[in-house]
Amino acid sequence: MEPQDNDKLTVTKAISAHEEAEAALADMVRNFPEHRCAEMIARVQQNLSELRGMAAAPADP
């Protein structure tokens, strides 16, 4: 596997993990409204935005 392919796979895995975390936190908010997870959700969403930007960027030659 080429290094850039490995990097792309790593970013894709990180995106998937963050999407799962976002969904889990949203479930927790629905099931336990007294929990205040807004800050955690915001951080996960910010990380997702950055990771998606990395995934969309052209690979370094």
PDB file of N, CA and C in Angstrom:
ATOM      1  N   MET A   1       0.849  -1.172   0.000  1.00  0.00           N
ATOM      2  CA  MET A   1       0.000   0.000   0.000  1.00  0.00           C
ATOM      3  C   MET A   1       0.897   1.238   0.000  1.00  0.00           C
ATOM      4  N   GLU A   2       0.557   2.181  -0.855  1.00  0.00           N
ATOM      5  CA  GLU A   2       1.307   3.431  -0.934  1.00  0.00           C
ATOM      6  C   GLU A   2       1.072   4.267   0.328  1.00  0.00           C
ATOM      7  N   PRO A   3       2.068   5.058   0.739  1.00  0.00           N
ATOM      8  CA  PRO A   3       1.897   5.874   1.949  1.00  0.00           C
ATOM      9  C   PRO A   3       0.671   6.787   1.895  1.00  0.00           C
ATOM     10  N   GLN A   4       0.404   7.398   0.731  1.00  0.00           N
ATOM     11  CA  GLN A   4      -0.757   8.291   0.644  1.00  0.00           C
ATOM     12  C   GLN A   4      -2.065   7.514   0.763  1.00  0.00           C
ATOM     13  N   ASP A   5      -2.081   6.255   0.293  1.00  0.00           N
ATOM     14  CA  ASP A   5      -3.270   5.415   0.461  1.00  0.00           C
ATOM     15  C   ASP A   5      -3.490   5.102   1.936  1.00  0.00           C
ATOM     16  N   ASN A   6      -2.401   4.828   2.637  1.00  0.00           N
ATOM     17  CA  ASN A   6      -2.478   4.545   4.069  1.00  0.00           C
ATOM     18  C   ASN A   6      -2.973   5.777   4.832  1.00  0.00           C
ATOM     19  N   ASP A   7      -2.470   6.955   4.447  1.00  0.00           N
ATOM     20  CA  ASP A   7      -2.912   8.197   5.090  1.00  0.00           C
ATOM     21  C   ASP A   7      -4.403   8.420   4.865  1.00  0.00           C
ATOM     22  N   LYS A   8      -4.863   8.194   3.640  1.00  0.00           N
ATOM     23  CA  LYS A   8      -6.285   8.380   3.324  1.00  0.00           C
ATOM     24  C   LYS A   8      -7.142   7.396   4.119  1.00  0.00           C
ATOM     25  N   LEU A   9      -6.679   6.157   4.238  1.00  0.00           N
ATOM     26  CA  LEU A   9      -7.402   5.155   5.017  1.00  0.00           C
ATOM     27  C   LEU A   9      -7.480   5.572   6.481  1.00  0.00           C
ATOM     28  N   THR A  10      -6.392   6.091   7.013  1.00  0.00           N
ATOM     29  CA  THR A  10      -6.358   6.542   8.401  1.00  0.00           C
ATOM     30  C   THR A  10      -7.359   7.672   8.630  1.00  0.00           C
ATOM     31  N   VAL A  11      -7.392   8.638   7.718  1.00  0.00           N
ATOM     32  CA  VAL A  11      -8.337   9.756   7.842  1.00  0.00           C
ATOM     33  C   VAL A  11      -9.771   9.246   7.727  1.00  0.00           C
ATOM     34  N   THR A  12     -10.007   8.321   6.809  1.00  0.00           N
ATOM     35  CA  THR A  12     -11.350   7.751   6.641  1.00  0.00           C
ATOM     36  C   THR A  12     -11.798   7.040   7.911  1.00  0.00           C
ATOM     37  N   LYS A  13     -10.900   6.296   8.538  1.00  0.00           N
ATOM     38  CA  LYS A  13     -11.229   5.622   9.799  1.00  0.00           C
ATOM     39  C   LYS A  13     -11.532   6.641  10.896  1.00  0.00           C
ATOM     40  N   ALA A  14     -10.759   7.715  10.947  1.00  0.00           N
ATOM     41  CA  ALA A  14     -10.983   8.753  11.956  1.00  0.00           C
ATOM     42  C   ALA A  14     -12.337   9.427  11.745  1.00  0.00           C
ATOM     43  N   ILE A  15     -12.690   9.684  10.490  1.00  0.00           N
ATOM     44  CA  ILE A  15     -13.997  10.278  10.191  1.00  0.00           C
ATOM     45  C   ILE A  15     -15.105   9.354  10.672  1.00  0.00           C
ATOM     46  N   SER A  16     -14.982   8.084  10.368  1.00  0.00           N
ATOM     47  CA  SER A  16     -15.990   7.106  10.777  1.00  0.00           C
ATOM     48  C   SER A  16     -16.137   7.069  12.298  1.00  0.00           C
ATOM     49  N   ALA A  17     -15.023   7.060  12.996  1.00  0.00           N
ATOM     50  CA  ALA A  17     -15.060   7.023  14.462  1.00  0.00           C
ATOM     51  C   ALA A  17     -15.731   8.277  15.024  1.00  0.00           C
ATOM     52  N   HIS A  18     -15.440   9.435  14.439  1.00  0.00           N
ATOM     53  CA  HIS A  18     -16.056  10.672  14.912  1.00  0.00           C
ATOM     54  C   HIS A  18     -17.550  10.704  14.599  1.00  0.00           C
ATOM     55  N   GLU A  19     -17.946  10.169  13.447  1.00  0.00           N
ATOM     56  CA  GLU A  19     -19.373  10.097  13.125  1.00  0.00           C
ATOM     57  C   GLU A  19     -20.106   9.206  14.125  1.00  0.00           C
ATOM     58  N   GLU A  20     -19.474   8.100  14.510  1.00  0.00           N
ATOM     59  CA  GLU A  20     -20.070   7.213  15.512  1.00  0.00           C
ATOM     60  C   GLU A  20     -20.166   7.914  16.864  1.00  0.00           C
ATOM     61  N   ALA A  21     -19.131   8.659  17.225  1.00  0.00           N
ATOM     62  CA  ALA A  21     -19.148   9.390  18.494  1.00  0.00           C
ATOM     63  C   ALA A  21     -20.246  10.447  18.493  1.00  0.00           C
ATOM     64  N   GLU A  22     -20.396  11.141  17.380  1.00  0.00           N
ATOM     65  CA  GLU A  22     -21.437  12.161  17.265  1.00  0.00           C
ATOM     66  C   GLU A  22     -22.823  11.533  17.443  1.00  0.00           C
ATOM     67  N   ALA A  23     -23.048  10.406  16.803  1.00  0.00           N
ATOM     68  CA  ALA A  23     -24.336   9.712  16.918  1.00  0.00           C
ATOM     69  C   ALA A  23     -24.575   9.228  18.347  1.00  0.00           C
ATOM     70  N   ALA A  24     -23.544   8.691  18.978  1.00  0.00           N
ATOM     71  CA  ALA A  24     -23.682   8.200  20.350  1.00  0.00           C
ATOM     72  C   ALA A  24     -23.998   9.343  21.313  1.00  0.00           C
ATOM     73  N   LEU A  25     -23.331  10.472  21.134  1.00  0.00           N
ATOM     74  CA  LEU A  25     -23.611  11.625  21.995  1.00  0.00           C
ATOM     75  C   LEU A  25     -25.030  12.149  21.767  1.00  0.00           C
ATOM     76  N   ALA A  26     -25.472  12.164  20.524  1.00  0.00           N
ATOM     77  CA  ALA A  26     -26.840  12.602  20.228  1.00  0.00           C
ATOM     78  C   ALA A  26     -27.849  11.665  20.888  1.00  0.00           C
ATOM     79  N   ASP A  27     -27.575  10.361  20.849  1.00  0.00           N
ATOM     80  CA  ASP A  27     -28.447   9.391  21.526  1.00  0.00           C
ATOM     81  C   ASP A  27     -28.475   9.646  23.027  1.00  0.00           C
ATOM     82  N   MET A  28     -27.319   9.929  23.589  1.00  0.00           N
ATOM     83  CA  MET A  28     -27.241  10.164  25.024  1.00  0.00           C
ATOM     84  C   MET A  28     -28.068  11.395  25.406  1.00  0.00           C
ATOM     85  N   VAL A  29     -28.000  12.432  24.597  1.00  0.00           N
ATOM     86  CA  VAL A  29     -28.779  13.641  24.875  1.00  0.00           C
ATOM     87  C   VAL A  29     -30.272  13.329  24.822  1.00  0.00           C
ATOM     88  N   ARG A  30     -30.683  12.526  23.839  1.00  0.00           N
ATOM     89  CA  ARG A  30     -32.107  12.164  23.731  1.00  0.00           C
ATOM     90  C   ARG A  30     -32.558  11.302  24.911  1.00  0.00           C
ATOM     91  N   ASN A  31     -31.717  10.383  25.332  1.00  0.00           N
ATOM     92  CA  ASN A  31     -32.089   9.450  26.399  1.00  0.00           C
ATOM     93  C   ASN A  31     -31.909  10.028  27.797  1.00  0.00           C
ATOM     94  N   PHE A  32     -30.965  10.927  27.938  1.00  0.00           N
ATOM     95  CA  PHE A  32     -30.667  11.522  29.243  1.00  0.00           C
ATOM     96  C   PHE A  32     -30.556  13.036  29.079  1.00  0.00           C
ATOM     97  N   PRO A  33     -31.691  13.722  28.951  1.00  0.00           N
ATOM     98  CA  PRO A  33     -31.665  15.161  28.672  1.00  0.00           C
ATOM     99  C   PRO A  33     -30.925  15.986  29.723  1.00  0.00           C
ATOM    100  N   GLU A  34     -30.776  15.441  30.910  1.00  0.00           N
ATOM    101  CA  GLU A  34     -30.079  16.202  31.950  1.00  0.00           C
ATOM    102  C   GLU A  34     -28.576  16.305  31.682  1.00  0.00           C
ATOM    103  N   HIS A  35     -28.052  15.406  30.842  1.00  0.00           N
ATOM    104  CA  HIS A  35     -26.635  15.484  30.479  1.00  0.00           C
ATOM    105  C   HIS A  35     -26.437  16.627  29.502  1.00  0.00           C
ATOM    106  N   ARG A  36     -25.428  17.378  29.736  1.00  0.00           N
ATOM    107  CA  ARG A  36     -25.124  18.497  28.845  1.00  0.00           C
ATOM    108  C   ARG A  36     -23.906  18.111  28.009  1.00  0.00           C
ATOM    109  N   CYS A  37     -24.191  17.652  26.820  1.00  0.00           N
ATOM    110  CA  CYS A  37     -23.135  17.155  25.935  1.00  0.00           C
ATOM    111  C   CYS A  37     -22.850  18.111  24.788  1.00  0.00           C
ATOM    112  N   ALA A  38     -23.431  19.295  24.827  1.00  0.00           N
ATOM    113  CA  ALA A  38     -23.298  20.228  23.705  1.00  0.00           C
ATOM    114  C   ALA A  38     -21.834  20.536  23.394  1.00  0.00           C
ATOM    115  N   GLU A  39     -21.019  20.728  24.423  1.00  0.00           N
ATOM    116  CA  GLU A  39     -19.607  21.045  24.186  1.00  0.00           C
ATOM    117  C   GLU A  39     -18.883  19.874  23.535  1.00  0.00           C
ATOM    118  N   MET A  40     -19.178  18.661  23.997  1.00  0.00           N
ATOM    119  CA  MET A  40     -18.544  17.480  23.399  1.00  0.00           C
ATOM    120  C   MET A  40     -18.978  17.320  21.950  1.00  0.00           C
ATOM    121  N   ILE A  41     -20.271  17.504  21.693  1.00  0.00           N
ATOM    122  CA  ILE A  41     -20.772  17.386  20.323  1.00  0.00           C
ATOM    123  C   ILE A  41     -20.119  18.442  19.438  1.00  0.00           C
ATOM    124  N   ALA A  42     -19.994  19.654  19.935  1.00  0.00           N
ATOM    125  CA  ALA A  42     -19.364  20.727  19.158  1.00  0.00           C
ATOM    126  C   ALA A  42     -17.914  20.389  18.831  1.00  0.00           C
ATOM    127  N   ARG A  43     -17.184  19.818  19.794  1.00  0.00           N
ATOM    128  CA  ARG A  43     -15.786  19.437  19.539  1.00  0.00           C
ATOM    129  C   ARG A  43     -15.703  18.333  18.494  1.00  0.00           C
ATOM    130  N   VAL A  44     -16.585  17.341  18.611  1.00  0.00           N
ATOM    131  CA  VAL A  44     -16.594  16.239  17.644  1.00  0.00           C
ATOM    132  C   VAL A  44     -16.918  16.783  16.255  1.00  0.00           C
ATOM    133  N   GLN A  45     -17.895  17.688  16.169  1.00  0.00           N
ATOM    134  CA  GLN A  45     -18.262  18.258  14.874  1.00  0.00           C
ATOM    135  C   GLN A  45     -17.123  19.089  14.291  1.00  0.00           C
ATOM    136  N   GLN A  46     -16.398  19.817  15.130  1.00  0.00           N
ATOM    137  CA  GLN A  46     -15.240  20.587  14.657  1.00  0.00           C
ATOM    138  C   GLN A  46     -14.164  19.642  14.135  1.00  0.00           C
ATOM    139  N   ASN A  47     -13.906  18.571  14.871  1.00  0.00           N
ATOM    140  CA  ASN A  47     -12.925  17.583  14.417  1.00  0.00           C
ATOM    141  C   ASN A  47     -13.354  16.959  13.096  1.00  0.00           C
ATOM    142  N   LEU A  48     -14.647  16.645  12.970  1.00  0.00           N
ATOM    143  CA  LEU A  48     -15.164  16.078  11.722  1.00  0.00           C
ATOM    144  C   LEU A  48     -14.929  17.032  10.560  1.00  0.00           C
ATOM    145  N   SER A  49     -15.182  18.299  10.782  1.00  0.00           N
ATOM    146  CA  SER A  49     -14.979  19.299   9.737  1.00  0.00           C
ATOM    147  C   SER A  49     -13.517  19.323   9.291  1.00  0.00           C
ATOM    148  N   GLU A  50     -12.607  19.311  10.250  1.00  0.00           N
ATOM    149  CA  GLU A  50     -11.179  19.319   9.930  1.00  0.00           C
ATOM    150  C   GLU A  50     -10.758  18.033   9.219  1.00  0.00           C
ATOM    151  N   LEU A  51     -11.259  16.902   9.685  1.00  0.00           N
ATOM    152  CA  LEU A  51     -10.916  15.625   9.054  1.00  0.00           C
ATOM    153  C   LEU A  51     -11.449  15.553   7.627  1.00  0.00           C
ATOM    154  N   ARG A  52     -12.668  16.031   7.425  1.00  0.00           N
ATOM    155  CA  ARG A  52     -13.230  16.025   6.069  1.00  0.00           C
ATOM    156  C   ARG A  52     -12.431  16.946   5.153  1.00  0.00           C
ATOM    157  N   GLY A  53     -11.941  18.045   5.694  1.00  0.00           N
ATOM    158  CA  GLY A  53     -11.066  18.928   4.919  1.00  0.00           C
ATOM    159  C   GLY A  53      -9.779  18.225   4.533  1.00  0.00           C
ATOM    160  N   MET A  54      -9.230  17.468   5.467  1.00  0.00           N
ATOM    161  CA  MET A  54      -8.014  16.697   5.173  1.00  0.00           C
ATOM    162  C   MET A  54      -8.286  15.665   4.091  1.00  0.00           C
ATOM    163  N   ALA A  55      -9.441  15.017   4.162  1.00  0.00           N
ATOM    164  CA  ALA A  55      -9.784  13.979   3.189  1.00  0.00           C
ATOM    165  C   ALA A  55      -9.985  14.574   1.804  1.00  0.00           C
ATOM    166  N   ALA A  56     -10.488  15.803   1.745  1.00  0.00           N
ATOM    167  CA  ALA A  56     -10.762  16.441   0.459  1.00  0.00           C
ATOM    168  C   ALA A  56      -9.516  17.065  -0.162  1.00  0.00           C
ATOM    169  N   ALA A  57      -8.505  17.317   0.659  1.00  0.00           N
ATOM    170  CA  ALA A  57      -7.282  17.953   0.160  1.00  0.00           C
ATOM    171  C   ALA A  57      -6.518  16.988  -0.739  1.00  0.00           C
ATOM    172  N   PRO A  58      -5.893  17.529  -1.770  1.00  0.00           N
ATOM    173  CA  PRO A  58      -5.093  16.651  -2.628  1.00  0.00           C
ATOM    174  C   PRO A  58      -3.914  16.069  -1.853  1.00  0.00           C
ATOM    175  N   ALA A  59      -3.562  14.858  -2.194  1.00  0.00           N
ATOM    176  CA  ALA A  59      -2.446  14.177  -1.521  1.00  0.00           C
ATOM    177  C   ALA A  59      -1.131  14.830  -1.914  1.00  0.00           C
ATOM    178  N   ASP A  60      -0.211  14.882  -0.971  1.00  0.00           N
ATOM    179  CA  ASP A  60       1.131  15.386  -1.267  1.00  0.00           C
ATOM    180  C   ASP A  60       1.837  14.390  -2.171  1.00  0.00           C
ATOM    181  N   PRO A  61       2.542  14.907  -3.186  1.00  0.00           N
ATOM    182  CA  PRO A  61       3.259  13.966  -4.083  1.00  0.00           C
ATOM    183  C   PRO A  61       4.421  13.302  -3.414  1.00  0.00           C
TER     184      PRO A  61
END
